[in-house]
C-alpha atoms as a PDB file:
ATOM      1  CA  UNK A   1     -22.657  36.811  50.400  1.00  0.00           C
ATOM      2  CA  UNK A   2     -23.308  33.433  48.689  1.00  0.00           C
ATOM      3  CA  UNK A   3     -20.429  30.929  48.405  1.00  0.00           C
ATOM      4  CA  UNK A   4     -21.368  30.034  44.818  1.00  0.00           C
ATOM      5  CA  UNK A   5     -19.966  33.128  43.123  1.00  0.00           C
ATOM      6  CA  UNK A   6     -16.708  32.752  45.027  1.00  0.00           C
ATOM      7  CA  UNK A   7     -16.468  29.104  43.980  1.00  0.00           C
ATOM      8  CA  UNK A   8     -17.058  30.014  40.341  1.00  0.00           C
ATOM      9  CA  UNK A   9     -14.470  32.760  40.484  1.00  0.00           C
ATOM     10  CA  UNK A  10     -11.925  30.328  41.920  1.00  0.00           C
ATOM     11  CA  UNK A  11     -12.713  27.733  39.250  1.00  0.00           C
ATOM     12  CA  UNK A  12     -12.369  30.214  36.395  1.00  0.00           C
ATOM     13  CA  UNK A  13      -9.137  31.527  37.851  1.00  0.00           C
ATOM     14  CA  UNK A  14      -7.698  28.006  38.061  1.00  0.00           C
ATOM     15  CA  UNK A  15      -8.774  26.836  34.602  1.00  0.00           C
ATOM     16  CA  UNK A  16      -6.082  28.586  32.504  1.00  0.00           C
ATOM     17  CA  UNK A  17      -3.324  27.142  34.699  1.00  0.00           C
ATOM     18  CA  UNK A  18      -4.810  23.644  34.362  1.00  0.00           C
ATOM     19  CA  UNK A  19      -5.181  24.054  30.599  1.00  0.00           C
ATOM     20  CA  UNK A  20      -1.631  25.382  30.236  1.00  0.00           C
ATOM     21  CA  UNK A  21      -0.286  22.418  32.221  1.00  0.00           C
ATOM     22  CA  UNK A  22      -2.214  19.923  30.118  1.00  0.00           C
ATOM     23  CA  UNK A  23      -1.035  21.455  26.836  1.00  0.00           C
ATOM     24  CA  UNK A  24       2.561  21.493  28.080  1.00  0.00           C
ATOM     25  CA  UNK A  25       2.308  17.832  29.048  1.00  0.00           C
ATOM     26  CA  UNK A  26       0.880  16.875  25.660  1.00  0.00           C
ATOM     27  CA  UNK A  27       3.567  18.805  23.806  1.00  0.00           C
ATOM     28  CA  UNK A  28       6.259  17.213  25.954  1.00  0.00           C
ATOM     29  CA  UNK A  29       4.908  13.711  25.272  1.00  0.00           C
ATOM     30  CA  UNK A  30       4.653  14.421  21.548  1.00  0.00           C
ATOM     31  CA  UNK A  31       8.232  15.711  21.490  1.00  0.00           C
ATOM     32  CA  UNK A  32       9.478  12.545  23.227  1.00  0.00           C
ATOM     33  CA  UNK A  33       7.540  10.333  20.777  1.00  0.00           C
ATOM     34  CA  UNK A  34       8.953  12.168  17.743  1.00  0.00           C
ATOM     35  CA  UNK A  35      12.476  11.962  19.157  1.00  0.00           C
ATOM     36  CA  UNK A  36      12.149   8.186  19.451  1.00  0.00           C
ATOM     37  CA  UNK A  37      11.461   7.738  15.715  1.00  0.00           C
ATOM     38  CA  UNK A  38      14.192   6.512  13.425  1.00  0.00           C
ATOM     39  CA  UNK A  39      15.085   8.668  10.442  1.00  0.00           C
ATOM     40  CA  UNK A  40      13.241   6.218   8.144  1.00  0.00           C
ATOM     41  CA  UNK A  41      10.083   6.388  10.276  1.00  0.00           C
ATOM     42  CA  UNK A  42      10.200  10.181  10.365  1.00  0.00           C
ATOM     43  CA  UNK A  43      10.657  10.301   6.586  1.00  0.00           C
ATOM     44  CA  UNK A  44       7.626   8.019   6.130  1.00  0.00           C
ATOM     45  CA  UNK A  45       5.502  10.278   8.320  1.00  0.00           C
ATOM     46  CA  UNK A  46       6.515  13.334   6.315  1.00  0.00           C
ATOM     47  CA  UNK A  47       5.893  11.650   2.947  1.00  0.00           C
ATOM     48  CA  UNK A  48       2.425  12.623   1.706  1.00  0.00           C
ATOM     49  CA  UNK A  49       2.074   9.242  -0.019  1.00  0.00           C
ATOM     50  CA  UNK A  50       2.210   7.484   3.341  1.00  0.00           C
ATOM     51  CA  UNK A  51      -0.801   9.482   4.531  1.00  0.00           C
ATOM     52  CA  UNK A  52      -2.989  10.065   1.501  1.00  0.00           C
ATOM     53  CA  UNK A  53      -2.460   6.877  -0.527  1.00  0.00           C
ATOM     54  CA  UNK A  54      -4.863   3.975   0.008  1.00  0.00           C
ATOM     55  CA  UNK A  55      -3.770   1.147   2.295  1.00  0.00           C
ATOM     56  CA  UNK A  56      -3.292  -1.194  -0.675  1.00  0.00           C
ATOM     57  CA  UNK A  57      -1.139   1.257  -2.637  1.00  0.00           C
ATOM     58  CA  UNK A  58       2.375   0.213  -3.633  1.00  0.00           C
ATOM     59  CA  UNK A  59       3.444   3.852  -3.166  1.00  0.00           C
ATOM     60  CA  UNK A  60       2.213   3.864   0.403  1.00  0.00           C
ATOM     61  CA  UNK A  61       3.883   0.526   1.125  1.00  0.00           C
ATOM     62  CA  UNK A  62       7.160   1.757  -0.377  1.00  0.00           C
ATOM     63  CA  UNK A  63       7.016   4.810   1.916  1.00  0.00           C
ATOM     64  CA  UNK A  64       6.884   2.608   5.015  1.00  0.00           C
ATOM     65  CA  UNK A  65      10.149   2.021   6.876  1.00  0.00           C
ATOM     66  CA  UNK A  66      11.729  -1.429   6.649  1.00  0.00           C
ATOM     67  CA  UNK A  67       9.657  -3.643   8.905  1.00  0.00           C
ATOM     68  CA  UNK A  68      10.845  -5.611  11.883  1.00  0.00           C
ATOM     69  CA  UNK A  69       9.152  -7.134  14.875  1.00  0.00           C
ATOM     70  CA  UNK A  70       8.859 -10.073  17.205  1.00  0.00           C
ATOM     71  CA  UNK A  71       8.244 -13.766  16.525  1.00  0.00           C
ATOM     72  CA  UNK A  72       4.560 -13.319  15.576  1.00  0.00           C
ATOM     73  CA  UNK A  73       5.448 -10.679  12.976  1.00  0.00           C
ATOM     74  CA  UNK A  74       8.170 -12.968  11.617  1.00  0.00           C
ATOM     75  CA  UNK A  75       5.782 -15.926  11.333  1.00  0.00           C
ATOM     76  CA  UNK A  76       3.256 -13.825   9.420  1.00  0.00           C
ATOM     77  CA  UNK A  77       5.933 -12.359   7.145  1.00  0.00           C
ATOM     78  CA  UNK A  78       7.298 -15.828   6.345  1.00  0.00           C
ATOM     79  CA  UNK A  79       3.811 -17.186   5.628  1.00  0.00           C
ATOM     80  CA  UNK A  80       3.156 -14.295   3.245  1.00  0.00           C
ATOM     81  CA  UNK A  81       6.514 -14.834   1.573  1.00  0.00           C
ATOM     82  CA  UNK A  82       6.010 -18.531   0.919  1.00  0.00           C
ATOM     83  CA  UNK A  83       2.262 -18.418   0.227  1.00  0.00           C
ATOM     84  CA  UNK A  84       1.756 -15.074  -1.510  1.00  0.00           C
ATOM     85  CA  UNK A  85       4.918 -13.249  -2.533  1.00  0.00           C
ATOM     86  CA  UNK A  86       3.898 -13.516  -6.215  1.00  0.00           C
ATOM     87  CA  UNK A  87       0.413 -12.180  -5.466  1.00  0.00           C
ATOM     88  CA  UNK A  88      -0.900  -8.674  -5.978  1.00  0.00           C
ATOM     89  CA  UNK A  89      -0.533  -6.371  -2.996  1.00  0.00           C
ATOM     90  CA  UNK A  90      -4.226  -6.814  -2.204  1.00  0.00           C
ATOM     91  CA  UNK A  91      -3.733 -10.554  -2.461  1.00  0.00           C
ATOM     92  CA  UNK A  92      -0.964 -10.424   0.127  1.00  0.00           C
ATOM     93  CA  UNK A  93      -3.126  -8.404   2.504  1.00  0.00           C
ATOM     94  CA  UNK A  94      -5.969 -10.880   1.911  1.00  0.00           C
ATOM     95  CA  UNK A  95      -3.818 -13.890   2.855  1.00  0.00           C
ATOM     96  CA  UNK A  96      -2.722 -12.030   5.982  1.00  0.00           C
ATOM     97  CA  UNK A  97      -6.392 -11.489   6.826  1.00  0.00           C
ATOM     98  CA  UNK A  98      -7.045 -15.230   6.648  1.00  0.00           C
ATOM     99  CA  UNK A  99      -4.231 -15.960   9.088  1.00  0.00           C
ATOM    100  CA  UNK A 100      -5.371 -13.293  11.555  1.00  0.00           C
ATOM    101  CA  UNK A 101      -9.003 -14.377  11.196  1.00  0.00           C
ATOM    102  CA  UNK A 102      -7.926 -17.868  12.221  1.00  0.00           C
ATOM    103  CA  UNK A 103      -6.114 -16.486  15.251  1.00  0.00           C
ATOM    104  CA  UNK A 104      -9.427 -14.912  16.321  1.00  0.00           C
ATOM    105  CA  UNK A 105     -11.444 -18.076  15.573  1.00  0.00           C
ATOM    106  CA  UNK A 106     -11.829 -20.544  18.494  1.00  0.00           C
ATOM    107  CA  UNK A 107     -11.454 -23.479  16.077  1.00  0.00           C
ATOM    108  CA  UNK A 108      -7.800 -22.584  15.530  1.00  0.00           C
ATOM    109  CA  UNK A 109      -4.727 -21.803  17.650  1.00  0.00           C
ATOM    110  CA  UNK A 110      -4.599 -18.341  19.197  1.00  0.00           C
ATOM    111  CA  UNK A 111      -1.224 -17.107  17.932  1.00  0.00           C
ATOM    112  CA  UNK A 112       0.036 -16.399  14.422  1.00  0.00           C
ATOM    113  CA  UNK A 113       2.945 -18.818  14.716  1.00  0.00           C
ATOM    114  CA  UNK A 114       0.672 -21.616  15.943  1.00  0.00           C
ATOM    115  CA  UNK A 115      -1.816 -20.975  13.123  1.00  0.00           C
ATOM    116  CA  UNK A 116       0.745 -21.068  10.311  1.00  0.00           C
ATOM    117  CA  UNK A 117       2.517 -24.062  11.843  1.00  0.00           C
ATOM    118  CA  UNK A 118      -0.627 -26.068  12.552  1.00  0.00           C
ATOM    119  CA  UNK A 119      -0.303 -29.675  11.377  1.00  0.00           C
ATOM    120  CA  UNK A 120       3.352 -29.387  10.397  1.00  0.00           C
ATOM    121  CA  UNK A 121       5.032 -32.783  10.437  1.00  0.00           C
ATOM    122  CA  UNK A 122       1.808 -34.773   9.991  1.00  0.00           C
ATOM    123  CA  UNK A 123       0.926 -36.170   6.573  1.00  0.00           C
ATOM    124  CA  UNK A 124      -1.891 -34.225   4.852  1.00  0.00           C
ATOM    125  CA  UNK A 125      -2.396 -32.177   8.039  1.00  0.00           C
ATOM    126  CA  UNK A 126      -0.608 -28.931   7.197  1.00  0.00           C
ATOM    127  CA  UNK A 127      -2.904 -25.937   7.044  1.00  0.00           C
ATOM    128  CA  UNK A 128      -0.422 -23.986   4.899  1.00  0.00           C
ATOM    129  CA  UNK A 129       1.114 -25.800   1.959  1.00  0.00           C
ATOM    130  CA  UNK A 130       4.621 -24.380   2.248  1.00  0.00           C
ATOM    131  CA  UNK A 131       5.056 -26.374   5.449  1.00  0.00           C
ATOM    132  CA  UNK A 132       4.174 -29.629   3.682  1.00  0.00           C
ATOM    133  CA  UNK A 133       5.807 -29.419   0.268  1.00  0.00           C
ATOM    134  CA  UNK A 134       8.974 -31.219   1.313  1.00  0.00           C
ATOM    135  CA  UNK A 135      11.162 -28.239   0.555  1.00  0.00           C
ATOM    136  CA  UNK A 136      13.354 -26.361   2.987  1.00  0.00           C
ATOM    137  CA  UNK A 137      11.870 -22.940   3.739  1.00  0.00           C
ATOM    138  CA  UNK A 138      14.665 -20.639   2.570  1.00  0.00           C
ATOM    139  CA  UNK A 139      14.150 -16.951   1.806  1.00  0.00           C
ATOM    140  CA  UNK A 140      16.040 -16.373  -1.443  1.00  0.00           C
ATOM    141  CA  UNK A 141      14.364 -13.112  -2.456  1.00  0.00           C
ATOM    142  CA  UNK A 142      15.182 -10.480   0.185  1.00  0.00           C
ATOM    143  CA  UNK A 143      13.357  -7.671  -1.631  1.00  0.00           C
ATOM    144  CA  UNK A 144      10.167  -9.732  -1.790  1.00  0.00           C
ATOM    145  CA  UNK A 145      10.528 -10.568   1.901  1.00  0.00           C
ATOM    146  CA  UNK A 146      11.002  -6.880   2.733  1.00  0.00           C
ATOM    147  CA  UNK A 147       7.719  -6.073   0.958  1.00  0.00           C
ATOM    148  CA  UNK A 148       5.669  -8.789   2.648  1.00  0.00           C
ATOM    149  CA  UNK A 149       7.337  -7.867   5.926  1.00  0.00           C
ATOM    150  CA  UNK A 150       5.792  -4.399   5.622  1.00  0.00           C
ATOM    151  CA  UNK A 151       2.381  -5.943   4.913  1.00  0.00           C
ATOM    152  CA  UNK A 152       2.782  -8.191   7.950  1.00  0.00           C
ATOM    153  CA  UNK A 153       3.754  -5.238  10.138  1.00  0.00           C
ATOM    154  CA  UNK A 154       0.721  -3.203   9.067  1.00  0.00           C
ATOM    155  CA  UNK A 155      -1.613  -6.129   9.733  1.00  0.00           C
ATOM    156  CA  UNK A 156      -0.085  -7.033  13.104  1.00  0.00           C
ATOM    157  CA  UNK A 157      -0.395  -3.365  14.078  1.00  0.00           C
ATOM    158  CA  UNK A 158      -4.141  -3.428  13.390  1.00  0.00           C
ATOM    159  CA  UNK A 159      -4.735  -2.491   9.748  1.00  0.00           C
ATOM    160  CA  UNK A 160      -8.378  -3.121   8.765  1.00  0.00           C
ATOM    161  CA  UNK A 161      -9.401  -6.519   7.421  1.00  0.00           C
ATOM    162  CA  UNK A 162     -11.657  -5.235   4.671  1.00  0.00           C
ATOM    163  CA  UNK A 163     -10.988  -7.584   1.763  1.00  0.00           C
ATOM    164  CA  UNK A 164     -12.136 -11.115   2.572  1.00  0.00           C
ATOM    165  CA  UNK A 165     -15.264 -10.718   4.736  1.00  0.00           C
ATOM    166  CA  UNK A 166     -13.971 -12.898   7.547  1.00  0.00           C
ATOM    167  CA  UNK A 167     -12.370 -15.606   5.378  1.00  0.00           C
ATOM    168  CA  UNK A 168     -10.578 -18.434   7.165  1.00  0.00           C
ATOM    169  CA  UNK A 169      -9.522 -20.397   4.063  1.00  0.00           C
ATOM    170  CA  UNK A 170      -8.038 -19.776   0.632  1.00  0.00           C
ATOM    171  CA  UNK A 171      -6.687 -21.761  -2.277  1.00  0.00           C
ATOM    172  CA  UNK A 172      -5.172 -20.974  -5.640  1.00  0.00           C
ATOM    173  CA  UNK A 173      -7.362 -21.014  -8.711  1.00  0.00           C
ATOM    174  CA  UNK A 174      -5.312 -23.956  -9.990  1.00  0.00           C
ATOM    175  CA  UNK A 175      -6.812 -26.412  -7.478  1.00  0.00           C
ATOM    176  CA  UNK A 176     -10.310 -27.372  -6.343  1.00  0.00           C
ATOM    177  CA  UNK A 177     -10.255 -28.808  -2.817  1.00  0.00           C
ATOM    178  CA  UNK A 178     -13.264 -30.785  -1.601  1.00  0.00           C
ATOM    179  CA  UNK A 179     -14.033 -28.405   1.252  1.00  0.00           C
ATOM    180  CA  UNK A 180     -14.486 -25.514  -1.219  1.00  0.00           C
ATOM    181  CA  UNK A 181     -17.789 -27.060  -2.348  1.00  0.00           C
ATOM    182  CA  UNK A 182     -19.413 -26.400   1.024  1.00  0.00           C
ATOM    183  CA  UNK A 183     -17.620 -23.308   2.301  1.00  0.00           C
ATOM    184  CA  UNK A 184     -19.129 -19.913   1.348  1.00  0.00           C
ATOM    185  CA  UNK A 185     -16.780 -18.061  -1.015  1.00  0.00           C
ATOM    186  CA  UNK A 186     -16.251 -14.502   0.183  1.00  0.00           C
ATOM    187  CA  UNK A 187     -13.795 -13.074  -2.351  1.00  0.00           C
ATOM    188  CA  UNK A 188     -11.539 -13.737  -5.314  1.00  0.00           C
ATOM    189  CA  UNK A 189      -8.365 -11.677  -5.296  1.00  0.00           C
ATOM    190  CA  UNK A 190      -5.424 -12.206  -7.594  1.00  0.00           C
ATOM    191  CA  UNK A 191      -4.636 -15.911  -7.899  1.00  0.00           C
ATOM    192  CA  UNK A 192      -6.705 -17.006  -4.893  1.00  0.00           C
ATOM    193  CA  UNK A 193     -10.290 -17.740  -3.901  1.00  0.00           C
ATOM    194  CA  UNK A 194     -11.232 -16.964  -0.282  1.00  0.00           C
ATOM    195  CA  UNK A 195     -13.799 -18.729   1.888  1.00  0.00           C
ATOM    196  CA  UNK A 196     -15.426 -18.411   5.278  1.00  0.00           C
ATOM    197  CA  UNK A 197     -15.710 -21.559   7.352  1.00  0.00           C
ATOM    198  CA  UNK A 198     -19.361 -22.506   7.979  1.00  0.00           C
ATOM    199  CA  UNK A 199     -20.269 -22.132  11.633  1.00  0.00           C
ATOM    200  CA  UNK A 200     -21.695 -25.656  11.767  1.00  0.00           C
ATOM    201  CA  UNK A 201     -18.305 -27.196  10.937  1.00  0.00           C
ATOM    202  CA  UNK A 202     -15.155 -27.576  12.938  1.00  0.00           C
ATOM    203  CA  UNK A 203     -11.834 -27.071  11.202  1.00  0.00           C
ATOM    204  CA  UNK A 204     -11.285 -28.859   7.902  1.00  0.00           C
END
């Protein structure tokens, strides 16, 4: 008698046990993950708006639990608060994209905190104006900070950067910096124009 049929019989006989074990393991892991969620996180998962609404929807953002995170999240949230809290929701996501695009660009520091703090303390060297305006950076609008904190959390966690086409710079429509004449404009969102740094140039 050939060994092949016996081997196949043994394999088929073992497969259900293997499958049952795998399913049990997956269910056990899922149960542990769900148990680790806070009540706010669980509520957000169960809210249809948090699943079906577009990323840039105020309803979807409102359904997210209050955001918190480490130093890099905090630096991004503060930058969004001081640079874009009065912007549209898309505008806030767009500013976050610029900061993260810089983190990924070899011409800039490789952490969020280093990017937003670049040039601080040197005259005309700040990359983000709120660090150079001579004012103390105090968060006086906690609700606004909570909103931008959620945007920062989504972006740090890997939300798509689909608005600015790789922009590394932005400025308000109220000003016209010299570098904007040579940098390709990639988008205009809310109160800001967005630009991609030309590959032939180093940082501005």
